[in-house]
Every structure is written in structure tokens, then in C-alpha cells.
Amino acid sequence: MGYRHVVGQRTHAFADLATLMAKATPVRSGDRLAGIAAESAEENMAARWCLAEVPLAEILARPLIPYEADDVTRLILDGHDAGAFAEIAHLTVGDFRDFLLAASSETLARIAPGVTPEIAAAVSKIMRNQDLILVARKARVVTRFRNTIGLPGTLAARLQPNHPTDDPAGITASILDGLSYGCGDAVIGINPASDSLQALGKLLHLLDDVIRRLDIPTQGCVLTHITTTIEAMNRGWPVDLPFQSIAGTQAANASFGVTLPMLKEAREAALALKRGSLGDNVMYFETGQGSALSADAHHGIDQQTLEARAYAVARAYEPLLVNTVVGFIGPEYLYDGKEIIRAGLEDHFCGKLMGVPLGCDVCYTNHAEADQDDMDTLLTLLGAAGCTYIMGVPGADDIMLNYQSTSFHDALYVREVLGLRRAPEFEAWLARIGLADETGSLLPGDGGLRLLEAAPGLAA
């Protein structure tokens, strides 16, 4: 089944739904690299007009990757909530955009289980940036482990104390620095330099020691492969959140060395530990546009639609946190600041629309045509859009992963400008320990010293 749209004397034809969606995607270098992007602005606009007339029920009925060939497709269709979908089943993609702009937060929550990633991606392609911001702001996704993340008017931050040699003293110093700036309510999450089990054990015990001794209502995570984390849990080591990078196709996940049964096993093992005090959202996932193309596992589908499919994988395991590492892969996939900004807003919108607690690593590589001003713009837009959480990296410069992200100061900036608060339990802890007042404003003085006074010997 093909699609056609007439512009003046010219007819634009699109062979199938995958082609139509790729051609309707706002310009980005990754789709050009894959050879599936629109060849002109006119073709792109014709595809958008054509896509707006496609019924949502048709998108549901025509999987972009065959059911028999891909376990992510099977996960999407087998888990689809037909009752939630019934409310929007009569709409076209264009009608759905209008519906979303007028919908309440309660309506968005009600339909979320019925929204497939392909439907979310399709409607995002015909929306302006302000549409993506408005709808995402209304879509509320609240999760809990040791605190409550995603409440309206809040923005959490992952404290990311990476170190190029996994030095415990360096990591501890970064943790204390980040906590003194009020970061860490989403998670204290380390990207380890080593993938050895012994190194993982040291880092897990370090995080557990800091969190317990300071009595912080937050969670720790060492972002290593899911199989390594499963082994750590089997050994009785203190794991709060199993982590895994995921993608939107079975083949792309295989390139990460991960399967859906592995994710299920890790979640069940973490639940059995009962380490959460407020809730049982125990998983942490990271994604990013372009990962399937990097693995030659994209099936001719545009990178933004495949990214939304990764959120369907995440949704199935009821995660505490999911974030898109939006500009990390490089300019081959998102060339410049404009493309990174658009991708970040699309990812956040699609995740929230599907009921996923979507945060964003507002980042770029040094060889992309982007700079920190572009990231300031995206950070501010995501704050306005109700983003679940951002990253807090010392100086915004990740010395282990070699890319530019957001800093502890950036979290202070966006919270102050937009009047956003931290997770309430974490904010109460900041006040209790003397780092902030009852409004969440940081108090003057040396916060790191107060933390050391609260836990003597921590720096040792």
C-alpha cells in the first residue's frame, strides 16, 4: 500500500508507511546517512501532509518491522492496551495532534498505554517545537524508589561522578560536590571506566556507603552491562537500580549484548532485594537516536521512530528512570545544535506520551556543530516541557566519556529560572542537613564541609 500527495503539478509518492514516516521526519544527518531522508523541503512537507491523513488504526495494523522478525515488535503489539487505544482509535495523525493539544493531564495518562511508539513518532513529525513542549508538559509520569520523581513542578538531577580511573577518592569528592549543589535526587550514577566485576563491587559498596551514612533519600547505580549487574545481585552486593542501554529493534539490542529476557531477569532480581523504601520502580535505561543505524539494525526506518520503539522496551519494565543521551553519538546522526534541540524535544515528548519517565542528557560531542549555548537553549526548553531529570556533571565536561553535558550549576540555573523544585524527600533532606532552606534554596557556606561533618571519615 502506497501513499501520495499532490503539490501543484507534482505528485509525491511514498511506497509504504516506513518510507512516508522517514520522509516526514524533520531533517537530520542520520537519516541522510541511511539514505531514507526527504530529498527536498517540498518532499518533506508533502510527506507531513500525507502522514497527517493516515488513521492511527492503520499505523497499529501495519507494523514497520514484521511481528515474526523482531521481538520488540512482538512486545509492542502483545502488550498493547486496546481499551486505552479505543478513545483515540478513530483519529488520524493530524486529528491526534489536535486532540493532544487540547487534552488534560488525566486524559494523557489514560491513553498512554494505548499509544504505540510508531503512533507517538508519527504525530511528533507534524508538530512544531512548541506543540512538543506543551503536550509533554501536561504528560505526568511519576515513579518511586527511595524518593518521588516526576511530580509537577519538579526537575530531578542525576549526579554523575565519573572518573577516568574509577578512583574512589575522586568519585567521593565529586559526589560531595554535587550534593552540595543540590544534585542527586534522580540517582547517583557512575559510568565505570572498568567493566570488571571486582571494580563494579567496589563502586557499588562506595555508593551504598555514602547513601547510608548520609541517610540520603536517593538511589545509586553503576552503569555497567545488565549481565554484570545480575551477577553482582547474585553475590549479594548492594544494587539499587540495574542499568542497561537499550534500542528499538531486536538486532540493535543484540549489538549491546542484551535480550528482553535478561531485562526481565534483572528486574525480578532487583525487586527481590526490596531495597526501595517508597516504591518498586527499579530499572534504569538509556537510549539515543542513531544507535540502531550504528549497529546496521535499523530496517530502513528513521532514527526517531526507532528511538520511540526503545521507549516501548523501557515501558514494559516499569523503570524509575529513562533518559535519551541526545547528542552523544555525534554529528553523523545529529549534525548541529538545531538537530540536537529538535531531537531532544521529540524524544522527551514521545517518552512522556507513552507513559515513560523521560529525562535527557543534554549533550554534544566536540566535533558536532554545536556549543554550550545550544545546550542552554535545549535545557531551558526541556525545563519548560516538564522534563523528568537532567544530568549533573562536574563542570559539564565528562572527563571519562569525553563529551559535553550539563553541570551542577546548570541544574541550579534551570530550577531558579523556571521555579522548579527537587524531589520532595531529597529537598527535605537538604534542609535537614543544613544545605538548603525550606523553599529548597541553597544556603551560603561550604556545603561539602557540612556533609563531611555529617559523616566523619567519609573522605577516607
Protein backbone atom coordinates (compact mmCIF):
# COMPACT_ATOMS: atom_id res chain seq x y z
CA MET A 1 0.00 0.00 0.00
CA GLY A 2 1.45 3.35 -1.07
CA TYR A 3 0.75 6.96 -0.18
CA ARG A 4 0.52 10.04 -2.44
CA HIS A 5 0.31 13.79 -2.02
CA VAL A 6 0.00 16.37 -4.77
CA VAL A 7 1.85 19.69 -4.59
CA GLY A 8 0.90 21.89 -7.54
CA GLN A 9 1.64 19.89 -10.69
CA ARG A 10 3.87 17.41 -8.86
CA THR A 11 2.78 14.17 -7.21
CA HIS A 12 4.92 12.83 -4.37
CA ALA A 13 4.62 9.07 -3.90
CA PHE A 14 5.71 7.09 -0.84
CA ALA A 15 5.97 3.34 -1.22
CA ASP A 16 4.98 2.35 2.31
CA LEU A 17 4.45 3.67 5.84
CA ALA A 18 8.13 3.39 6.80
CA THR A 19 9.11 5.47 3.78
CA LEU A 20 6.40 8.03 4.49
CA MET A 21 7.46 8.44 8.12
CA ALA A 22 11.13 8.75 7.18
CA LYS A 23 10.39 11.39 4.56
CA ALA A 24 8.16 13.30 7.01
CA THR A 25 10.89 13.49 9.67
CA PRO A 26 12.47 16.91 10.31
CA VAL A 27 15.91 16.96 8.73
CA ARG A 28 18.75 15.13 10.47
CA SER A 29 22.06 13.77 9.32
CA GLY A 30 21.46 10.19 10.45
CA ASP A 31 18.52 9.66 8.10
CA ARG A 32 20.56 11.17 5.28
CA LEU A 33 23.37 8.76 6.09
CA ALA A 34 20.88 5.89 5.94
CA GLY A 35 19.60 7.12 2.55
CA ILE A 36 15.99 7.45 3.71
CA ALA A 37 15.56 11.20 4.29
CA ALA A 38 13.43 13.51 2.18
CA GLU A 39 15.35 14.80 -0.83
CA SER A 40 13.90 18.31 -0.61
CA ALA A 41 11.93 20.59 1.69
CA GLU A 42 8.97 20.14 -0.64
CA GLU A 43 9.07 16.36 -0.36
CA ASN A 44 9.39 16.65 3.41
CA MET A 45 6.32 18.88 3.63
CA ALA A 46 4.35 16.70 1.23
CA ALA A 47 5.13 13.69 3.43
CA ARG A 48 3.94 15.54 6.52
CA TRP A 49 0.65 16.49 4.88
CA CYS A 50 0.22 12.89 3.74
CA LEU A 51 1.12 11.46 7.16
CA ALA A 52 -1.42 13.74 8.84
CA GLU A 53 -4.19 11.92 6.94
CA VAL A 54 -3.14 8.42 7.99
CA PRO A 55 -5.50 6.83 10.56
CA LEU A 56 -3.93 5.75 13.85
CA ALA A 57 -5.64 2.38 13.45
CA GLU A 58 -3.76 1.89 10.18
CA ILE A 59 -0.41 2.55 11.89
CA LEU A 60 -1.29 -0.02 14.55
CA ALA A 61 -2.30 -2.56 11.89
CA ARG A 62 0.87 -2.16 9.78
CA PRO A 63 3.98 -2.91 11.89
CA LEU A 64 7.09 -1.29 10.41
CA ILE A 65 9.11 -4.39 11.34
CA PRO A 66 7.27 -7.70 10.93
CA TYR A 67 5.91 -9.35 14.07
CA GLU A 68 7.66 -12.62 13.25
CA ALA A 69 11.07 -10.98 12.73
CA ASP A 70 11.51 -8.78 15.79
CA ASP A 71 10.86 -9.28 19.50
CA VAL A 72 10.43 -5.54 20.10
CA THR A 73 7.54 -5.54 17.62
CA ARG A 74 6.06 -8.50 19.47
CA LEU A 75 6.50 -6.70 22.80
CA ILE A 76 4.71 -3.63 21.43
CA LEU A 77 1.77 -5.48 19.93
CA ASP A 78 1.34 -8.16 22.59
CA GLY A 79 1.35 -5.53 25.34
CA HIS A 80 -0.88 -3.04 23.57
CA ASP A 81 -3.83 -1.81 25.65
CA ALA A 82 -6.78 -1.91 23.28
CA GLY A 83 -9.07 -0.32 25.86
CA ALA A 84 -6.83 2.73 26.23
CA PHE A 85 -6.47 2.94 22.46
CA ALA A 86 -10.24 2.89 21.90
CA GLU A 87 -10.50 6.54 22.93
CA ILE A 88 -8.27 7.63 20.03
CA ALA A 89 -8.78 4.77 17.55
CA HIS A 90 -10.99 6.85 15.25
CA LEU A 91 -8.43 9.64 14.80
CA THR A 92 -5.95 10.37 12.05
CA VAL A 93 -2.43 11.52 12.88
CA GLY A 94 -3.49 15.13 12.27
CA ASP A 95 -6.59 14.74 14.41
CA PHE A 96 -4.44 13.21 17.14
CA ARG A 97 -2.22 16.30 17.20
CA ASP A 98 -5.29 18.47 17.77
CA PHE A 99 -6.55 16.05 20.41
CA LEU A 100 -3.24 16.17 22.30
CA LEU A 101 -3.05 19.96 22.29
CA ALA A 102 -6.47 20.14 23.96
CA ALA A 103 -6.12 17.10 26.25
CA SER A 104 -5.82 17.27 30.02
CA SER A 105 -3.10 15.54 32.05
CA GLU A 106 -5.68 12.97 33.15
CA THR A 107 -6.60 12.19 29.55
CA LEU A 108 -2.96 11.79 28.54
CA ALA A 109 -2.39 9.37 31.41
CA ARG A 110 -5.48 7.39 30.42
CA ILE A 111 -4.48 6.90 26.77
CA ALA A 112 -0.73 6.34 27.36
CA PRO A 113 -0.91 2.51 27.45
CA GLY A 114 -2.67 2.60 24.07
CA VAL A 115 -0.07 4.78 22.34
CA THR A 116 2.43 2.72 20.38
CA PRO A 117 5.86 4.17 19.62
CA GLU A 118 5.03 4.41 15.93
CA ILE A 119 1.93 6.48 16.74
CA ALA A 120 3.91 8.75 19.06
CA ALA A 121 6.65 9.19 16.48
CA ALA A 122 4.18 9.85 13.67
CA VAL A 123 2.36 12.64 15.47
CA SER A 124 5.62 14.22 16.63
CA LYS A 125 6.72 14.59 13.00
CA ILE A 126 3.89 17.02 12.22
CA MET A 127 4.24 19.03 15.43
CA ARG A 128 6.13 22.26 15.98
CA ASN A 129 8.58 22.55 18.86
CA GLN A 130 6.02 24.46 20.91
CA ASP A 131 3.50 21.64 20.37
CA LEU A 132 6.00 19.09 21.68
CA ILE A 133 6.67 21.26 24.74
CA LEU A 134 3.02 21.94 25.52
CA VAL A 135 1.88 18.34 25.36
CA ALA A 136 4.92 16.90 27.16
CA ARG A 137 4.44 19.40 30.00
CA LYS A 138 0.91 18.06 30.55
CA ALA A 139 2.02 14.41 30.44
CA ARG A 140 2.92 13.45 34.01
CA VAL A 141 4.80 10.27 34.81
CA VAL A 142 5.61 9.71 38.49
CA THR A 143 7.97 6.96 39.72
CA ARG A 144 9.32 5.98 43.13
CA PHE A 145 12.18 4.04 44.72
CA ARG A 146 13.57 5.99 47.72
CA ASN A 147 12.04 9.26 46.62
CA THR A 148 9.35 10.56 44.28
CA ILE A 149 10.40 11.61 40.79
CA GLY A 150 8.29 13.35 38.14
CA LEU A 151 5.85 15.35 40.23
CA PRO A 152 4.52 18.54 38.56
CA GLY A 153 6.81 21.49 39.14
CA THR A 154 9.89 19.37 39.84
CA LEU A 155 13.08 18.62 37.95
CA ALA A 156 15.46 15.99 39.30
CA ALA A 157 19.17 15.66 38.51
CA ARG A 158 21.42 12.65 38.16
CA LEU A 159 24.70 13.24 39.99
CA GLN A 160 27.30 11.78 37.61
CA PRO A 161 30.67 11.48 39.43
CA ASN A 162 32.57 9.70 36.66
CA HIS A 163 36.32 9.28 37.00
CA PRO A 164 38.75 8.08 34.28
CA THR A 165 40.38 5.55 36.62
CA ASP A 166 37.45 4.83 38.98
CA ASP A 167 39.44 6.39 41.81
CA PRO A 168 37.30 6.18 44.99
CA ALA A 169 38.61 9.47 46.40
CA GLY A 170 37.92 11.31 43.16
CA ILE A 171 34.43 9.84 42.87
CA THR A 172 33.64 10.65 46.50
CA ALA A 173 34.83 14.24 46.03
CA SER A 174 32.56 14.62 43.00
CA ILE A 175 29.61 13.14 44.92
CA LEU A 176 30.08 15.58 47.80
CA ASP A 177 30.46 18.46 45.34
CA GLY A 178 27.25 17.52 43.54
CA LEU A 179 25.28 17.02 46.74
CA SER A 180 26.40 20.44 47.99
CA TYR A 181 24.80 21.93 44.86
CA GLY A 182 21.58 20.01 45.50
CA CYS A 183 22.06 17.42 42.75
CA GLY A 184 21.49 13.68 43.06
CA ASP A 185 17.77 13.29 43.62
CA ALA A 186 17.29 11.26 40.43
CA VAL A 187 20.23 8.96 41.09
CA ILE A 188 23.92 8.99 41.91
CA GLY A 189 25.06 7.17 38.81
CA ILE A 190 28.62 6.24 37.87
CA ASN A 191 29.79 5.28 34.38
CA PRO A 192 32.68 2.97 35.31
CA ALA A 193 35.98 3.04 33.46
CA SER A 194 36.39 -0.71 34.02
CA ASP A 195 33.88 -3.45 33.26
CA SER A 196 35.42 -5.94 35.68
CA LEU A 197 33.22 -7.46 38.34
CA GLN A 198 35.69 -6.54 41.07
CA ALA A 199 35.67 -2.87 40.07
CA LEU A 200 31.86 -2.92 39.98
CA GLY A 201 31.75 -4.32 43.51
CA LYS A 202 33.96 -1.54 44.88
CA LEU A 203 31.84 1.16 43.27
CA LEU A 204 28.56 -0.38 44.44
CA HIS A 205 29.80 -0.53 48.03
CA LEU A 206 31.12 3.04 47.78
CA LEU A 207 27.71 4.35 46.65
CA ASP A 208 25.89 2.33 49.27
CA ASP A 209 28.22 3.63 51.99
CA VAL A 210 27.72 7.29 51.01
CA ILE A 211 23.94 6.97 50.76
CA ARG A 212 23.59 5.08 54.05
CA ARG A 213 26.00 7.19 56.11
CA LEU A 214 24.45 10.48 54.97
CA ASP A 215 20.94 8.97 55.05
CA ILE A 216 20.18 10.37 51.60
CA PRO A 217 16.72 9.59 50.16
CA THR A 218 18.08 8.67 46.75
CA GLN A 219 19.40 5.67 44.88
CA GLY A 220 22.75 4.61 43.45
CA CYS A 221 23.63 2.96 40.17
CA VAL A 222 26.77 1.77 38.43
CA LEU A 223 26.04 1.82 34.71
CA THR A 224 27.52 -1.48 33.66
CA HIS A 225 26.15 -4.26 31.48
CA ILE A 226 22.98 -5.92 32.77
CA THR A 227 24.61 -9.35 32.99
CA THR A 228 27.35 -7.97 35.24
CA THR A 229 24.73 -6.38 37.48
CA ILE A 230 22.81 -9.65 37.67
CA GLU A 231 25.98 -11.38 38.84
CA ALA A 232 26.51 -8.62 41.42
CA MET A 233 23.00 -9.21 42.78
CA ASN A 234 23.62 -12.96 42.86
CA ARG A 235 26.64 -12.24 45.05
CA GLY A 236 24.57 -10.17 47.46
CA TRP A 237 26.18 -6.85 46.60
CA PRO A 238 24.16 -3.64 47.20
CA VAL A 239 22.41 -2.96 43.87
CA ASP A 240 19.63 -0.37 43.83
CA LEU A 241 18.96 0.02 40.10
CA PRO A 242 20.03 -2.38 37.35
CA PHE A 243 21.03 -0.40 34.25
CA GLN A 244 21.10 -1.11 30.53
CA SER A 245 21.38 0.81 27.27
CA ILE A 246 18.52 -0.29 25.03
CA ALA A 247 17.39 0.26 21.45
CA GLY A 248 14.28 -0.10 19.32
CA THR A 249 14.97 -3.32 17.42
CA GLN A 250 15.91 -6.84 18.41
CA ALA A 251 19.07 -6.68 16.29
CA ALA A 252 20.17 -3.37 17.82
CA ASN A 253 19.69 -4.74 21.33
CA ALA A 254 21.68 -7.81 20.31
CA SER A 255 24.53 -5.48 19.36
CA PHE A 256 24.51 -4.35 23.01
CA GLY A 257 24.60 -7.99 24.08
CA VAL A 258 21.16 -7.75 25.66
CA THR A 259 17.86 -9.60 25.27
CA LEU A 260 14.41 -8.91 26.67
CA PRO A 261 14.58 -11.97 28.99
CA MET A 262 17.76 -10.53 30.51
CA LEU A 263 15.92 -7.32 31.37
CA LYS A 264 13.11 -9.30 32.96
CA GLU A 265 15.59 -11.36 34.99
CA ALA A 266 17.37 -8.24 36.25
CA ARG A 267 14.12 -6.56 37.25
CA GLU A 268 12.89 -9.61 39.15
CA ALA A 269 16.22 -9.93 40.95
CA ALA A 270 16.20 -6.25 41.95
CA LEU A 271 12.61 -6.45 43.17
CA ALA A 272 13.55 -9.43 45.33
CA LEU A 273 16.17 -7.31 47.11
CA LYS A 274 13.45 -4.93 48.38
CA ARG A 275 15.86 -2.01 48.68
CA GLY A 276 13.33 0.67 47.77
CA SER A 277 11.59 2.42 50.66
CA LEU A 278 8.81 4.19 48.71
CA GLY A 279 8.27 2.20 45.53
CA ASP A 280 9.35 -0.63 43.28
CA ASN A 281 10.43 1.15 40.10
CA VAL A 282 13.86 -0.49 39.99
CA MET A 283 15.18 -0.18 36.42
CA TYR A 284 17.29 2.50 34.73
CA PHE A 285 17.58 2.67 30.92
CA GLU A 286 19.45 4.90 28.50
CA THR A 287 18.71 5.37 24.82
CA GLY A 288 19.77 7.61 21.93
CA GLN A 289 18.79 8.35 18.34
CA GLY A 290 21.12 6.62 15.89
CA SER A 291 22.05 3.53 17.89
CA ALA A 292 20.19 1.16 15.55
CA LEU A 293 21.80 2.71 12.48
CA SER A 294 25.24 2.37 14.13
CA ALA A 295 24.55 -1.35 14.54
CA ASP A 296 23.21 -1.72 10.96
CA ALA A 297 19.95 -2.81 12.61
CA HIS A 298 17.56 -0.06 11.51
CA HIS A 299 15.46 -1.95 8.92
CA GLY A 300 15.21 1.20 6.78
CA ILE A 301 13.26 3.03 9.50
CA ASP A 302 14.06 6.59 10.56
CA GLN A 303 16.10 7.00 13.72
CA GLN A 304 13.49 8.97 15.65
CA THR A 305 10.82 6.27 15.22
CA LEU A 306 13.32 3.64 16.30
CA GLU A 307 14.13 5.75 19.37
CA ALA A 308 10.44 5.79 20.30
CA ARG A 309 10.42 1.99 19.97
CA ALA A 310 13.17 1.87 22.62
CA TYR A 311 10.73 3.59 24.98
CA ALA A 312 8.31 0.71 24.45
CA VAL A 313 11.05 -1.64 25.65
CA ALA A 314 11.62 0.54 28.70
CA ARG A 315 7.89 0.87 29.45
CA ALA A 316 7.49 -2.89 29.72
CA TYR A 317 9.79 -3.00 32.78
CA GLU A 318 8.29 -0.09 34.77
CA PRO A 319 11.55 1.86 35.16
CA LEU A 320 12.39 4.52 37.68
CA LEU A 321 14.42 6.45 35.10
CA VAL A 322 14.89 6.56 31.34
CA ASN A 323 16.96 9.12 29.52
CA THR A 324 17.91 9.89 25.97
CA VAL A 325 21.61 10.74 25.58
CA VAL A 326 20.58 13.08 22.86
CA GLY A 327 23.79 14.33 21.20
CA PHE A 328 26.28 11.75 22.40
CA ILE A 329 26.77 9.64 19.27
CA GLY A 330 27.95 12.54 17.11
CA PRO A 331 27.26 14.68 14.03
CA GLU A 332 26.82 11.65 11.78
CA TYR A 333 23.39 11.29 13.40
CA LEU A 334 22.56 14.77 14.71
CA TYR A 335 24.72 17.26 12.87
CA ASP A 336 24.29 20.55 14.68
CA GLY A 337 22.61 22.36 17.56
CA LYS A 338 19.32 22.73 15.69
CA GLU A 339 19.06 18.99 15.05
CA ILE A 340 20.05 18.15 18.64
CA ILE A 341 17.45 20.55 20.06
CA ARG A 342 14.69 19.11 17.88
CA ALA A 343 15.68 15.53 18.71
CA GLY A 344 15.70 16.23 22.44
CA LEU A 345 12.20 17.70 22.33
CA GLU A 346 10.92 14.83 20.17
CA ASP A 347 12.40 12.18 22.45
CA HIS A 348 11.02 13.80 25.58
CA PHE A 349 7.56 14.19 24.03
CA CYS A 350 7.37 10.61 22.76
CA GLY A 351 8.54 9.10 26.02
CA LYS A 352 6.17 11.10 28.20
CA LEU A 353 3.26 10.48 25.81
CA MET A 354 3.88 6.74 26.16
CA GLY A 355 3.98 6.94 29.97
CA VAL A 356 7.76 6.66 30.34
CA PRO A 357 9.66 8.78 32.92
CA LEU A 358 11.81 10.51 30.32
CA GLY A 359 14.84 12.55 31.22
CA CYS A 360 17.53 13.92 28.94
CA ASP A 361 21.29 14.08 28.87
CA VAL A 362 21.57 17.48 27.20
CA CYS A 363 24.88 16.84 25.49
CA TYR A 364 27.03 17.07 22.38
CA THR A 365 30.38 15.81 21.15
CA ASN A 366 33.18 18.25 20.43
CA HIS A 367 33.13 17.51 16.68
CA ALA A 368 29.45 18.41 16.30
CA GLU A 369 28.38 21.84 15.01
CA ALA A 370 27.02 22.74 18.43
CA ASP A 371 28.12 24.55 21.55
CA GLN A 372 27.06 25.18 25.13
CA ASP A 373 24.69 27.96 24.06
CA ASP A 374 22.71 25.37 22.07
CA MET A 375 22.61 23.17 25.14
CA ASP A 376 21.40 26.10 27.27
CA THR A 377 18.53 26.51 24.82
CA LEU A 378 17.59 22.82 24.90
CA LEU A 379 17.94 22.69 28.69
CA THR A 380 15.58 25.64 29.10
CA LEU A 381 13.05 24.22 26.65
CA LEU A 382 13.09 20.83 28.37
CA GLY A 383 12.61 22.50 31.74
CA ALA A 384 9.55 24.26 30.34
CA ALA A 385 8.36 20.94 28.91
CA GLY A 386 8.36 19.21 32.29
CA CYS A 387 11.45 17.05 31.76
CA THR A 388 11.82 14.40 34.46
CA TYR A 389 15.54 14.87 35.09
CA ILE A 390 18.82 16.06 33.63
CA MET A 391 22.50 15.25 34.23
CA GLY A 392 24.80 16.90 36.75
CA VAL A 393 28.43 16.50 35.67
CA PRO A 394 31.29 18.42 37.35
CA GLY A 395 31.97 21.42 35.09
CA ALA A 396 29.65 19.92 32.40
CA ASP A 397 32.72 18.15 30.97
CA ASP A 398 32.61 14.38 31.29
CA ILE A 399 36.29 13.51 31.57
CA MET A 400 35.62 9.78 31.26
CA LEU A 401 33.15 9.72 28.34
CA ASN A 402 34.66 12.76 26.57
CA TYR A 403 31.56 14.76 25.74
CA GLN A 404 29.91 17.96 26.97
CA SER A 405 26.83 17.68 29.17
CA THR A 406 25.15 19.77 31.86
CA SER A 407 26.68 20.78 35.17
CA PHE A 408 25.60 21.16 38.77
CA HIS A 409 25.32 24.89 38.05
CA ASP A 410 23.06 24.24 35.07
CA ALA A 411 20.60 22.43 37.33
CA LEU A 412 20.59 25.44 39.67
CA TYR A 413 20.00 27.77 36.72
CA VAL A 414 17.02 25.99 35.22
CA ARG A 415 15.40 25.38 38.60
CA GLU A 416 15.71 29.05 39.55
CA VAL A 417 14.55 30.47 36.21
CA LEU A 418 11.54 28.18 35.92
CA GLY A 419 10.72 27.82 39.61
CA LEU A 420 11.29 24.07 39.68
CA ARG A 421 11.87 22.03 42.85
CA ARG A 422 13.75 18.83 43.58
CA ALA A 423 12.19 15.51 44.55
CA PRO A 424 10.37 16.39 47.79
CA GLU A 425 12.07 13.80 50.02
CA PHE A 426 15.50 14.86 48.75
CA GLU A 427 14.69 18.53 49.24
CA ALA A 428 13.60 17.84 52.82
CA TRP A 429 16.92 16.05 53.39
CA LEU A 430 18.84 19.08 52.10
CA ALA A 431 17.00 21.24 54.66
CA ARG A 432 17.52 18.70 57.44
CA ILE A 433 21.27 18.53 56.86
CA GLY A 434 21.59 22.30 56.62
CA LEU A 435 22.32 22.68 52.91
CA ALA A 436 19.05 24.38 51.92
CA ASP A 437 16.15 26.26 53.45
CA GLU A 438 12.53 25.10 53.45
CA THR A 439 11.98 26.56 49.97
CA GLY A 440 14.80 24.49 48.51
CA SER A 441 17.17 27.44 48.09
CA LEU A 442 20.76 26.52 48.89
CA LEU A 443 22.21 28.19 51.98
CA PRO A 444 25.52 30.07 51.80
CA GLY A 445 28.66 28.43 53.11
CA ASP A 446 30.71 25.33 52.42
CA GLY A 447 28.17 22.59 51.77
CA GLY A 448 30.88 20.00 51.24
CA LEU A 449 32.27 20.68 54.69
CA ARG A 450 28.82 20.28 56.26
CA LEU A 451 28.48 16.91 54.52
CA LEU A 452 31.82 15.77 55.89
CA GLU A 453 30.79 16.89 59.36
CA ALA A 454 27.61 14.84 58.99
CA ALA A 455 29.59 11.71 58.11
CA PRO A 456 33.07 11.85 59.68
CA GLY A 457 35.67 9.80 57.83
CA LEU A 458 33.70 9.69 54.57
CA ALA A 459 36.55 11.22 52.59
CA ALA A 460 38.90 8.48 53.80
